[in-house]
N, C-alpha and C. Protein backbone atom coordinates (compact mmCIF):
# COMPACT_ATOMS: atom_id res chain seq x y z
N MET A 1 13.35 -12.12 17.96
CA MET A 1 13.23 -11.57 16.53
C MET A 1 14.34 -10.67 16.36
N ASP A 2 14.95 -10.68 15.17
CA ASP A 2 15.88 -9.74 14.96
C ASP A 2 15.46 -8.39 14.73
N PHE A 3 16.13 -7.46 15.33
CA PHE A 3 15.63 -5.88 15.45
C PHE A 3 15.78 -5.42 14.05
N GLY A 4 16.74 -5.80 13.29
CA GLY A 4 16.99 -5.41 11.87
C GLY A 4 15.80 -5.72 10.86
N ILE A 5 15.37 -6.86 11.13
CA ILE A 5 14.13 -7.37 10.29
C ILE A 5 12.80 -6.55 10.62
N LEU A 6 12.75 -6.13 12.05
CA LEU A 6 11.65 -5.49 12.45
C LEU A 6 11.69 -4.00 11.86
N VAL A 7 13.02 -3.51 11.99
CA VAL A 7 13.11 -1.92 11.37
C VAL A 7 12.82 -2.05 9.92
N LEU A 8 13.25 -3.10 9.25
CA LEU A 8 13.02 -3.19 7.80
C LEU A 8 11.57 -3.29 7.52
N ALA A 9 10.89 -4.10 8.19
CA ALA A 9 9.45 -4.39 8.08
C ALA A 9 8.65 -2.96 8.19
N PHE A 10 9.07 -2.23 9.30
CA PHE A 10 8.40 -0.87 9.55
C PHE A 10 8.65 0.03 8.38
N GLY A 11 9.91 0.07 7.86
CA GLY A 11 10.28 0.83 6.69
C GLY A 11 9.43 0.36 5.48
N LEU A 12 9.28 -0.68 5.24
CA LEU A 12 8.67 -1.24 4.02
C LEU A 12 7.08 -1.04 4.09
N SER A 13 6.58 -0.99 5.45
CA SER A 13 5.19 -0.79 5.46
C SER A 13 4.80 0.74 5.35
N ILE A 14 5.57 1.77 5.35
CA ILE A 14 5.31 2.90 5.24
C ILE A 14 4.49 3.41 4.18
N ASP A 15 4.81 2.76 2.87
CA ASP A 15 4.06 2.98 1.63
C ASP A 15 2.59 2.69 1.89
N ASN A 16 2.35 1.52 2.46
CA ASN A 16 1.11 0.86 2.73
C ASN A 16 0.30 1.98 3.78
N PHE A 17 0.99 2.43 4.76
CA PHE A 17 0.39 3.34 5.69
C PHE A 17 -0.16 4.73 5.01
N ARG A 18 0.85 5.15 4.16
CA ARG A 18 0.46 6.42 3.41
C ARG A 18 -0.68 6.14 2.61
N SER A 19 -0.69 5.00 1.86
CA SER A 19 -1.77 4.77 0.86
C SER A 19 -3.05 4.52 1.64
N SER A 20 -2.93 3.78 2.90
CA SER A 20 -4.17 3.54 3.68
C SER A 20 -4.79 4.76 4.20
N ILE A 21 -4.09 5.74 4.44
CA ILE A 21 -4.58 7.00 4.87
C ILE A 21 -5.43 7.66 3.64
N ALA A 22 -4.99 7.65 2.53
CA ALA A 22 -5.92 8.18 1.50
C ALA A 22 -7.11 7.15 1.32
N ILE A 23 -6.96 5.86 1.27
CA ILE A 23 -7.97 4.87 1.05
C ILE A 23 -8.99 5.06 2.24
N GLY A 24 -8.56 5.24 3.53
CA GLY A 24 -9.34 5.55 4.56
C GLY A 24 -10.46 6.54 4.37
N THR A 25 -10.19 7.45 3.56
CA THR A 25 -11.16 8.57 3.39
C THR A 25 -12.29 8.04 2.54
N ILE A 26 -12.27 6.90 1.99
CA ILE A 26 -13.30 6.31 1.20
C ILE A 26 -14.27 5.77 2.27
N PRO A 27 -15.68 6.10 2.15
CA PRO A 27 -16.52 5.50 3.19
C PRO A 27 -16.79 4.03 2.92
N PHE A 28 -16.34 3.25 3.87
CA PHE A 28 -16.66 1.75 3.92
C PHE A 28 -16.80 1.44 5.51
N GLY A 29 -17.24 0.05 5.73
CA GLY A 29 -17.41 -0.37 6.98
C GLY A 29 -16.00 -0.86 7.65
N TRP A 30 -16.14 -1.13 8.89
CA TRP A 30 -15.00 -1.72 9.51
C TRP A 30 -14.58 -3.11 9.02
N ARG A 31 -15.47 -3.92 8.74
CA ARG A 31 -15.22 -5.17 8.09
C ARG A 31 -14.45 -5.00 6.86
N ARG A 32 -14.77 -3.98 5.99
CA ARG A 32 -13.88 -3.83 4.70
C ARG A 32 -12.47 -3.25 5.19
N ALA A 33 -12.32 -2.42 6.22
CA ALA A 33 -11.18 -2.03 6.67
C ALA A 33 -10.16 -2.94 7.07
N VAL A 34 -10.79 -4.10 7.89
CA VAL A 34 -9.90 -5.17 8.35
C VAL A 34 -9.54 -5.97 7.12
N GLN A 35 -10.47 -6.11 6.11
CA GLN A 35 -10.08 -6.92 5.07
C GLN A 35 -8.91 -6.24 4.19
N ILE A 36 -9.17 -4.98 4.08
CA ILE A 36 -8.13 -4.30 3.33
C ILE A 36 -6.60 -4.44 3.95
N ALA A 37 -6.61 -4.22 5.20
CA ALA A 37 -5.43 -4.25 6.04
C ALA A 37 -4.90 -5.71 5.98
N LEU A 38 -5.72 -6.74 6.15
CA LEU A 38 -5.28 -8.08 5.99
C LEU A 38 -4.80 -8.31 4.53
N THR A 39 -5.37 -7.83 3.64
CA THR A 39 -4.89 -7.82 2.21
C THR A 39 -3.55 -7.44 1.95
N PHE A 40 -3.33 -6.13 2.57
CA PHE A 40 -1.99 -5.46 2.23
C PHE A 40 -0.95 -6.29 2.86
N GLY A 41 -1.34 -6.90 4.23
CA GLY A 41 -0.36 -7.65 5.00
C GLY A 41 -0.06 -8.93 4.13
N LEU A 42 -1.01 -9.74 3.57
CA LEU A 42 -0.83 -10.75 2.98
C LEU A 42 0.01 -10.59 1.68
N TRP A 43 -0.19 -9.59 0.78
CA TRP A 43 0.72 -9.30 -0.27
C TRP A 43 2.11 -9.07 0.38
N ASP A 44 2.22 -8.28 1.37
CA ASP A 44 3.53 -7.79 1.70
C ASP A 44 4.42 -9.06 2.55
N ALA A 45 3.59 -10.05 2.83
CA ALA A 45 4.21 -11.35 3.38
C ALA A 45 4.54 -12.11 2.24
N LEU A 46 3.84 -12.51 1.19
CA LEU A 46 4.06 -12.99 0.06
C LEU A 46 5.13 -12.63 -0.87
N ALA A 47 5.29 -11.25 -0.97
CA ALA A 47 6.25 -10.55 -1.90
C ALA A 47 7.73 -11.06 -1.58
N PRO A 48 8.11 -10.94 -0.37
CA PRO A 48 9.53 -11.26 -0.10
C PRO A 48 9.93 -12.82 -0.26
N LEU A 49 8.84 -13.61 -0.01
CA LEU A 49 9.02 -15.00 -0.35
C LEU A 49 9.32 -15.17 -1.85
N VAL A 50 8.34 -14.64 -2.65
CA VAL A 50 8.61 -14.63 -4.11
C VAL A 50 9.90 -14.17 -4.68
N GLY A 51 10.17 -12.92 -3.87
CA GLY A 51 11.47 -12.19 -4.35
C GLY A 51 12.73 -13.09 -3.94
N GLY A 52 12.56 -13.66 -2.85
CA GLY A 52 13.80 -14.53 -2.43
C GLY A 52 13.96 -15.83 -3.37
N TYR A 53 12.75 -16.13 -3.76
CA TYR A 53 12.97 -17.48 -4.47
C TYR A 53 13.22 -17.19 -6.27
N LEU A 54 12.82 -16.11 -6.56
CA LEU A 54 13.09 -15.77 -8.00
C LEU A 54 14.54 -15.12 -8.30
N GLY A 55 15.12 -14.57 -7.09
CA GLY A 55 16.49 -14.36 -7.35
C GLY A 55 16.79 -12.95 -7.77
N ASN A 56 18.11 -12.73 -7.88
CA ASN A 56 18.79 -11.40 -8.16
C ASN A 56 18.26 -10.90 -9.45
N TRP A 57 18.07 -11.61 -10.58
CA TRP A 57 17.83 -11.03 -11.77
C TRP A 57 16.57 -10.24 -11.83
N ILE A 58 15.49 -10.65 -11.20
CA ILE A 58 14.30 -9.87 -11.07
C ILE A 58 14.47 -8.52 -10.31
N GLY A 59 15.17 -8.77 -9.14
CA GLY A 59 15.46 -7.43 -8.35
C GLY A 59 16.17 -6.34 -9.13
N GLU A 60 17.27 -6.85 -9.98
CA GLU A 60 17.85 -5.94 -10.79
C GLU A 60 17.06 -5.37 -11.90
N ALA A 61 16.14 -6.03 -12.43
CA ALA A 61 15.28 -5.59 -13.48
C ALA A 61 14.25 -4.65 -13.02
N ILE A 62 13.72 -4.82 -11.74
CA ILE A 62 12.81 -3.99 -11.13
C ILE A 62 13.22 -2.76 -10.38
N ASP A 63 14.53 -2.81 -9.85
CA ASP A 63 14.92 -1.90 -9.05
C ASP A 63 14.93 -0.43 -9.45
N PRO A 64 15.22 -0.06 -10.73
CA PRO A 64 15.21 1.30 -10.95
C PRO A 64 13.77 2.00 -10.99
N VAL A 65 12.83 1.23 -11.14
CA VAL A 65 11.42 1.68 -11.09
C VAL A 65 10.64 1.22 -9.81
N ALA A 66 11.11 0.41 -9.04
CA ALA A 66 10.29 -0.32 -8.05
C ALA A 66 9.46 0.70 -7.06
N GLU A 67 10.14 1.74 -6.63
CA GLU A 67 9.51 2.63 -5.68
C GLU A 67 8.36 3.32 -6.50
N TYR A 68 8.58 3.55 -7.74
CA TYR A 68 7.51 4.37 -8.50
C TYR A 68 6.32 3.54 -8.88
N VAL A 69 6.35 2.08 -8.96
CA VAL A 69 5.22 1.45 -9.29
C VAL A 69 4.14 1.63 -8.43
N GLY A 70 4.35 1.63 -7.03
CA GLY A 70 3.44 1.83 -6.04
C GLY A 70 2.73 3.35 -6.20
N PHE A 71 3.50 4.24 -6.42
CA PHE A 71 3.18 5.52 -6.52
C PHE A 71 2.30 5.64 -7.92
N GLY A 72 2.68 4.99 -8.89
CA GLY A 72 1.90 4.96 -10.18
C GLY A 72 0.41 4.47 -10.03
N ALA A 73 0.34 3.12 -9.29
CA ALA A 73 -0.85 2.62 -9.13
C ALA A 73 -1.74 3.48 -8.15
N MET A 74 -1.25 4.20 -7.09
CA MET A 74 -1.92 5.14 -6.26
C MET A 74 -2.49 6.18 -7.20
N GLY A 75 -1.67 6.74 -7.98
CA GLY A 75 -2.05 8.10 -8.80
C GLY A 75 -3.07 7.64 -9.86
N ALA A 76 -3.04 6.38 -10.51
CA ALA A 76 -4.08 5.94 -11.37
C ALA A 76 -5.42 5.77 -10.72
N TYR A 77 -5.41 5.17 -9.55
CA TYR A 77 -6.62 4.99 -8.85
C TYR A 77 -7.30 6.29 -8.35
N GLY A 78 -6.27 7.11 -7.88
CA GLY A 78 -6.84 8.46 -7.46
C GLY A 78 -7.31 9.32 -8.70
N LEU A 79 -6.73 9.24 -9.78
CA LEU A 79 -7.34 9.81 -11.07
C LEU A 79 -8.73 9.27 -11.32
N TYR A 80 -8.79 7.87 -11.32
CA TYR A 80 -10.03 7.25 -11.51
C TYR A 80 -11.07 7.83 -10.69
N LEU A 81 -10.83 7.68 -9.47
CA LEU A 81 -11.68 8.28 -8.35
C LEU A 81 -12.15 9.85 -8.70
N LEU A 82 -11.14 10.49 -8.91
CA LEU A 82 -11.45 11.95 -9.16
C LEU A 82 -12.26 12.12 -10.38
N VAL A 83 -11.98 11.63 -11.45
CA VAL A 83 -12.87 11.64 -12.71
C VAL A 83 -14.32 11.11 -12.34
N SER A 84 -14.41 9.91 -11.62
CA SER A 84 -15.61 9.43 -11.40
C SER A 84 -16.52 10.34 -10.52
N SER A 85 -15.79 10.94 -9.50
CA SER A 85 -16.50 11.83 -8.62
C SER A 85 -17.14 13.14 -9.32
N LEU A 86 -16.35 13.61 -10.42
CA LEU A 86 -16.80 14.80 -11.15
C LEU A 86 -18.05 14.44 -12.14
N ARG A 87 -17.99 13.14 -12.64
CA ARG A 87 -19.05 12.67 -13.50
C ARG A 87 -20.17 12.14 -12.95
N LYS A 88 -20.38 11.74 -11.47
CA LYS A 88 -21.45 11.03 -11.07
C LYS A 88 -21.83 11.85 -9.82
N PRO A 89 -23.17 11.56 -9.29
CA PRO A 89 -23.61 12.07 -8.04
C PRO A 89 -22.82 11.47 -6.94
N PRO A 90 -22.78 12.04 -5.76
CA PRO A 90 -22.10 11.38 -4.55
C PRO A 90 -22.73 10.13 -4.18
N PRO A 91 -21.84 9.21 -4.07
CA PRO A 91 -22.28 7.87 -3.68
C PRO A 91 -22.52 7.74 -2.15
N ASP A 92 -23.33 6.73 -1.72
CA ASP A 92 -23.37 6.37 -0.43
C ASP A 92 -22.05 5.73 0.22
N GLU A 93 -21.53 4.97 -0.58
CA GLU A 93 -20.40 4.12 -0.40
C GLU A 93 -19.40 3.94 -1.44
N VAL A 94 -18.35 4.26 -1.43
CA VAL A 94 -17.20 3.98 -2.62
C VAL A 94 -16.53 2.81 -2.18
N ASP A 95 -16.59 1.75 -3.19
CA ASP A 95 -15.99 0.53 -2.94
C ASP A 95 -15.56 -0.12 -4.16
N HIS A 96 -14.46 -0.23 -4.37
CA HIS A 96 -13.98 -0.83 -5.52
C HIS A 96 -12.90 -2.01 -5.14
N PRO A 97 -13.61 -3.25 -4.81
CA PRO A 97 -12.77 -4.12 -4.07
C PRO A 97 -11.62 -4.74 -4.96
N TRP A 98 -11.77 -4.81 -6.35
CA TRP A 98 -10.71 -5.46 -7.10
C TRP A 98 -9.55 -4.45 -7.02
N VAL A 99 -9.65 -3.24 -7.22
CA VAL A 99 -8.39 -2.41 -7.18
C VAL A 99 -7.95 -2.31 -5.68
N THR A 100 -8.74 -1.98 -4.65
CA THR A 100 -8.33 -1.89 -3.39
C THR A 100 -7.80 -3.22 -2.72
N LEU A 101 -8.16 -4.40 -3.21
CA LEU A 101 -7.72 -5.61 -2.70
C LEU A 101 -6.65 -6.11 -3.49
N PHE A 102 -6.49 -5.99 -4.72
CA PHE A 102 -5.57 -6.67 -5.52
C PHE A 102 -4.62 -5.59 -6.10
N GLY A 103 -5.10 -4.82 -6.94
CA GLY A 103 -4.24 -3.99 -7.70
C GLY A 103 -3.24 -2.99 -6.92
N MET A 104 -3.73 -2.32 -5.91
CA MET A 104 -2.86 -1.41 -5.11
C MET A 104 -1.99 -2.16 -4.28
N PRO A 105 -2.45 -3.19 -3.43
CA PRO A 105 -1.51 -3.84 -2.64
C PRO A 105 -0.37 -4.66 -3.39
N LEU A 106 -0.86 -5.17 -4.38
CA LEU A 106 0.27 -5.81 -5.06
C LEU A 106 1.17 -4.89 -5.52
N SER A 107 0.94 -3.81 -6.23
CA SER A 107 1.91 -2.93 -6.53
C SER A 107 2.74 -2.23 -5.43
N LEU A 108 2.15 -2.06 -4.24
CA LEU A 108 2.96 -1.59 -3.20
C LEU A 108 3.92 -2.65 -2.49
N SER A 109 3.74 -3.76 -3.00
CA SER A 109 4.44 -4.95 -2.38
C SER A 109 5.79 -5.12 -3.22
N VAL A 110 6.08 -4.28 -4.20
CA VAL A 110 7.25 -4.44 -5.16
C VAL A 110 8.53 -4.25 -4.28
N ASP A 111 8.34 -3.36 -3.36
CA ASP A 111 9.61 -3.04 -2.51
C ASP A 111 9.84 -4.35 -1.64
N ASN A 112 8.89 -4.97 -1.16
CA ASN A 112 8.90 -6.13 -0.39
C ASN A 112 9.54 -7.41 -1.14
N LEU A 113 9.23 -7.43 -2.39
CA LEU A 113 9.79 -8.35 -3.32
C LEU A 113 11.30 -8.14 -3.49
N ILE A 114 11.66 -6.89 -3.65
CA ILE A 114 13.09 -6.62 -3.76
C ILE A 114 13.86 -6.81 -2.50
N ALA A 115 13.12 -6.53 -1.26
CA ALA A 115 13.84 -6.88 0.02
C ALA A 115 14.03 -8.46 0.02
N GLY A 116 12.98 -9.10 -0.28
CA GLY A 116 13.08 -10.56 -0.28
C GLY A 116 14.05 -11.12 -1.02
N THR A 117 14.26 -10.52 -2.36
CA THR A 117 15.45 -10.92 -3.09
C THR A 117 16.82 -10.76 -2.56
N GLY A 118 16.91 -9.51 -1.85
CA GLY A 118 18.22 -9.25 -1.12
C GLY A 118 18.39 -10.18 0.00
N LEU A 119 17.39 -10.42 0.71
CA LEU A 119 17.62 -11.22 1.97
C LEU A 119 17.86 -12.83 1.40
N GLY A 120 17.26 -13.16 0.40
CA GLY A 120 17.52 -14.42 -0.17
C GLY A 120 18.81 -14.62 -0.63
N LEU A 121 19.53 -13.52 -1.29
CA LEU A 121 20.78 -13.56 -1.84
C LEU A 121 21.84 -13.71 -0.69
N VAL A 122 21.53 -13.07 0.49
CA VAL A 122 22.38 -13.11 1.61
C VAL A 122 22.23 -14.43 2.37
N GLY A 123 21.33 -15.11 2.16
CA GLY A 123 21.21 -16.44 2.78
C GLY A 123 20.27 -16.37 3.99
N VAL A 124 19.38 -15.37 4.18
CA VAL A 124 18.57 -15.35 5.44
C VAL A 124 17.30 -16.18 5.01
N SER A 125 16.80 -16.99 6.11
CA SER A 125 15.57 -17.57 5.95
C SER A 125 14.50 -16.69 5.67
N LEU A 126 13.71 -16.99 4.77
CA LEU A 126 12.68 -15.85 4.54
C LEU A 126 11.35 -16.04 5.15
N VAL A 127 11.27 -17.18 5.93
CA VAL A 127 9.93 -17.21 6.72
C VAL A 127 9.71 -16.06 7.68
N LEU A 128 10.66 -15.82 8.65
CA LEU A 128 10.51 -14.98 9.66
C LEU A 128 10.18 -13.57 9.20
N PRO A 129 11.03 -13.23 8.19
CA PRO A 129 10.90 -11.70 7.70
C PRO A 129 9.64 -11.61 6.96
N ALA A 130 9.15 -12.69 6.16
CA ALA A 130 7.79 -12.63 5.52
C ALA A 130 6.57 -12.39 6.58
N ILE A 131 6.71 -13.19 7.57
CA ILE A 131 5.61 -13.20 8.65
C ILE A 131 5.72 -11.56 9.29
N THR A 132 6.84 -11.17 9.65
CA THR A 132 7.08 -9.86 10.15
C THR A 132 6.70 -8.73 9.33
N PHE A 133 6.92 -8.91 8.00
CA PHE A 133 6.71 -7.99 7.06
C PHE A 133 4.93 -7.78 7.00
N GLY A 134 4.33 -8.92 7.01
CA GLY A 134 2.88 -9.10 6.85
C GLY A 134 2.28 -8.42 8.05
N VAL A 135 2.74 -8.93 9.22
CA VAL A 135 2.04 -8.49 10.59
C VAL A 135 2.25 -6.97 10.72
N VAL A 136 3.36 -6.38 10.41
CA VAL A 136 3.66 -4.94 10.53
C VAL A 136 2.79 -4.19 9.55
N THR A 137 2.73 -4.65 8.29
CA THR A 137 1.97 -4.13 7.29
C THR A 137 0.35 -4.01 7.71
N VAL A 138 -0.05 -5.16 8.13
CA VAL A 138 -1.46 -5.19 8.69
C VAL A 138 -1.60 -4.08 9.78
N VAL A 139 -0.83 -3.86 10.74
CA VAL A 139 -1.05 -2.93 11.69
C VAL A 139 -0.91 -1.56 11.09
N MET A 140 0.12 -1.20 10.49
CA MET A 140 0.26 0.03 9.72
C MET A 140 -0.79 0.42 8.79
N SER A 141 -1.35 -0.56 8.05
CA SER A 141 -2.38 -0.35 7.09
C SER A 141 -3.72 0.09 7.86
N PHE A 142 -3.96 -0.70 8.97
CA PHE A 142 -5.20 -0.43 9.70
C PHE A 142 -5.07 0.92 10.36
N ALA A 143 -3.81 1.20 10.85
CA ALA A 143 -3.82 2.66 11.44
C ALA A 143 -3.99 3.72 10.44
N GLY A 144 -3.51 3.50 9.21
CA GLY A 144 -3.68 4.51 8.06
C GLY A 144 -5.06 4.58 7.78
N LEU A 145 -5.82 3.45 7.70
CA LEU A 145 -7.24 3.46 7.37
C LEU A 145 -7.93 4.33 8.50
N CYS A 146 -7.71 4.06 9.60
CA CYS A 146 -8.29 4.81 10.67
C CYS A 146 -8.08 6.39 10.55
N LEU A 147 -6.77 6.63 10.32
CA LEU A 147 -6.47 8.07 10.30
C LEU A 147 -7.20 8.70 9.23
N GLY A 148 -7.29 8.01 8.00
CA GLY A 148 -7.97 8.50 6.65
C GLY A 148 -9.48 8.70 7.13
N ARG A 149 -10.00 7.88 7.82
CA ARG A 149 -11.31 7.93 8.26
C ARG A 149 -11.58 9.30 9.02
N VAL A 150 -10.75 9.40 9.93
CA VAL A 150 -10.83 10.82 10.85
C VAL A 150 -10.73 11.96 9.96
N ALA A 151 -9.72 11.95 9.07
CA ALA A 151 -9.57 13.11 8.18
C ALA A 151 -10.76 13.38 7.27
N ALA A 152 -11.39 12.25 6.95
CA ALA A 152 -12.52 12.42 5.95
C ALA A 152 -13.69 13.06 6.77
N ARG A 153 -13.75 12.66 8.04
CA ARG A 153 -14.78 13.30 9.02
C ARG A 153 -14.58 14.69 9.21
N THR A 154 -13.27 14.94 9.43
CA THR A 154 -12.97 16.30 9.73
C THR A 154 -13.09 17.36 8.72
N ILE A 155 -12.54 16.90 7.46
CA ILE A 155 -12.64 17.75 6.38
C ILE A 155 -13.77 17.51 5.56
N ARG A 156 -14.74 18.27 5.46
CA ARG A 156 -16.08 18.11 4.91
C ARG A 156 -16.13 18.45 3.40
N ILE A 157 -15.86 17.28 2.67
CA ILE A 157 -15.80 17.35 1.18
C ILE A 157 -16.50 15.91 0.66
N ARG A 158 -16.89 15.84 -0.42
CA ARG A 158 -17.27 14.59 -1.01
C ARG A 158 -16.26 13.45 -0.76
N PRO A 159 -16.61 12.32 -0.25
CA PRO A 159 -15.46 11.32 0.10
C PRO A 159 -14.80 10.73 -1.12
N ASP A 160 -15.55 10.60 -2.27
CA ASP A 160 -14.87 10.13 -3.38
C ASP A 160 -13.91 11.02 -4.03
N LEU A 161 -14.39 12.43 -3.94
CA LEU A 161 -13.49 13.57 -4.52
C LEU A 161 -12.31 13.59 -3.42
N PHE A 162 -12.49 13.64 -2.25
CA PHE A 162 -11.40 13.69 -1.28
C PHE A 162 -10.46 12.59 -1.51
N SER A 163 -10.92 11.47 -1.56
CA SER A 163 -10.04 10.24 -1.88
C SER A 163 -9.33 10.37 -3.03
N GLY A 164 -9.86 10.72 -4.11
CA GLY A 164 -9.28 10.86 -5.36
C GLY A 164 -8.06 11.81 -5.31
N LEU A 165 -8.51 13.04 -4.70
CA LEU A 165 -7.41 14.19 -4.49
C LEU A 165 -6.26 13.63 -3.66
N SER A 166 -6.59 13.05 -2.62
CA SER A 166 -5.55 12.49 -1.56
C SER A 166 -4.62 11.46 -2.33
N LEU A 167 -5.19 10.40 -3.06
CA LEU A 167 -4.36 9.45 -3.62
C LEU A 167 -3.38 10.17 -4.78
N LEU A 168 -4.11 10.97 -5.50
CA LEU A 168 -3.45 11.63 -6.80
C LEU A 168 -2.41 12.50 -6.19
N GLY A 169 -2.61 13.42 -5.11
CA GLY A 169 -1.59 14.18 -4.50
C GLY A 169 -0.54 13.55 -3.87
N ALA A 170 -0.83 12.37 -3.25
CA ALA A 170 0.17 11.50 -2.56
C ALA A 170 1.12 10.94 -3.74
N ALA A 171 0.48 10.52 -4.82
CA ALA A 171 1.39 9.81 -5.91
C ALA A 171 2.24 10.99 -6.61
N ILE A 172 1.80 12.18 -6.64
CA ILE A 172 2.66 13.21 -7.22
C ILE A 172 3.74 13.66 -6.23
N LEU A 173 3.34 14.01 -5.01
CA LEU A 173 4.19 14.62 -4.13
C LEU A 173 5.20 13.64 -3.35
N LEU A 174 4.81 12.38 -2.99
CA LEU A 174 5.64 11.64 -2.17
C LEU A 174 6.99 11.15 -3.05
N PRO A 175 6.95 11.00 -4.30
CA PRO A 175 8.25 10.71 -5.08
C PRO A 175 9.22 11.93 -5.12
N LEU A 176 8.56 13.20 -5.06
CA LEU A 176 9.34 14.41 -4.97
C LEU A 176 9.95 14.51 -3.59
N VAL A 177 9.33 14.20 -2.71
CA VAL A 177 9.73 14.37 -1.14
C VAL A 177 10.58 13.28 -0.83
N PHE A 178 10.25 12.07 -1.19
CA PHE A 178 11.18 10.87 -0.76
C PHE A 178 11.93 10.24 -1.80
N GLY A 179 12.00 10.69 -3.00
CA GLY A 179 12.75 10.33 -4.12
C GLY A 179 13.87 10.78 -4.30
């Protein structure tokens, strides 16, 4: 395997790892955690394929805002959880599968779409990078979910409130730190 592709896969999976830490504070079972990690990986594997085939014009159109799309989705979901936690009694389990399994992973895959576009433009076969991106994202996302679970058990606060604050805080601070 090309070391450069592996390094790129790791770099592209960092946003999923950070998001997974916040999502991991939401109380759900291990089965759901595996499902979330696999979904994140699937989206991150499909995105470079789509990006490579759609070409340069999409990459150029999305590039100025690509890194902020993921932050925006994270912040919107965090705000939703925060408002919900203030309006409702504490739940036994917080689980919003449509947002967790589709909205957030899709928006976090925009950077993979652009990477795929770039790799496609230079003539790299996209199959190996797509598989590598997906596998690395699954591992990193699952690690983030586990870390978030530990944080939620260590910091005693309502899980939905903690998750909302984590996601909203990450969406605000990460662009300032890494932007």
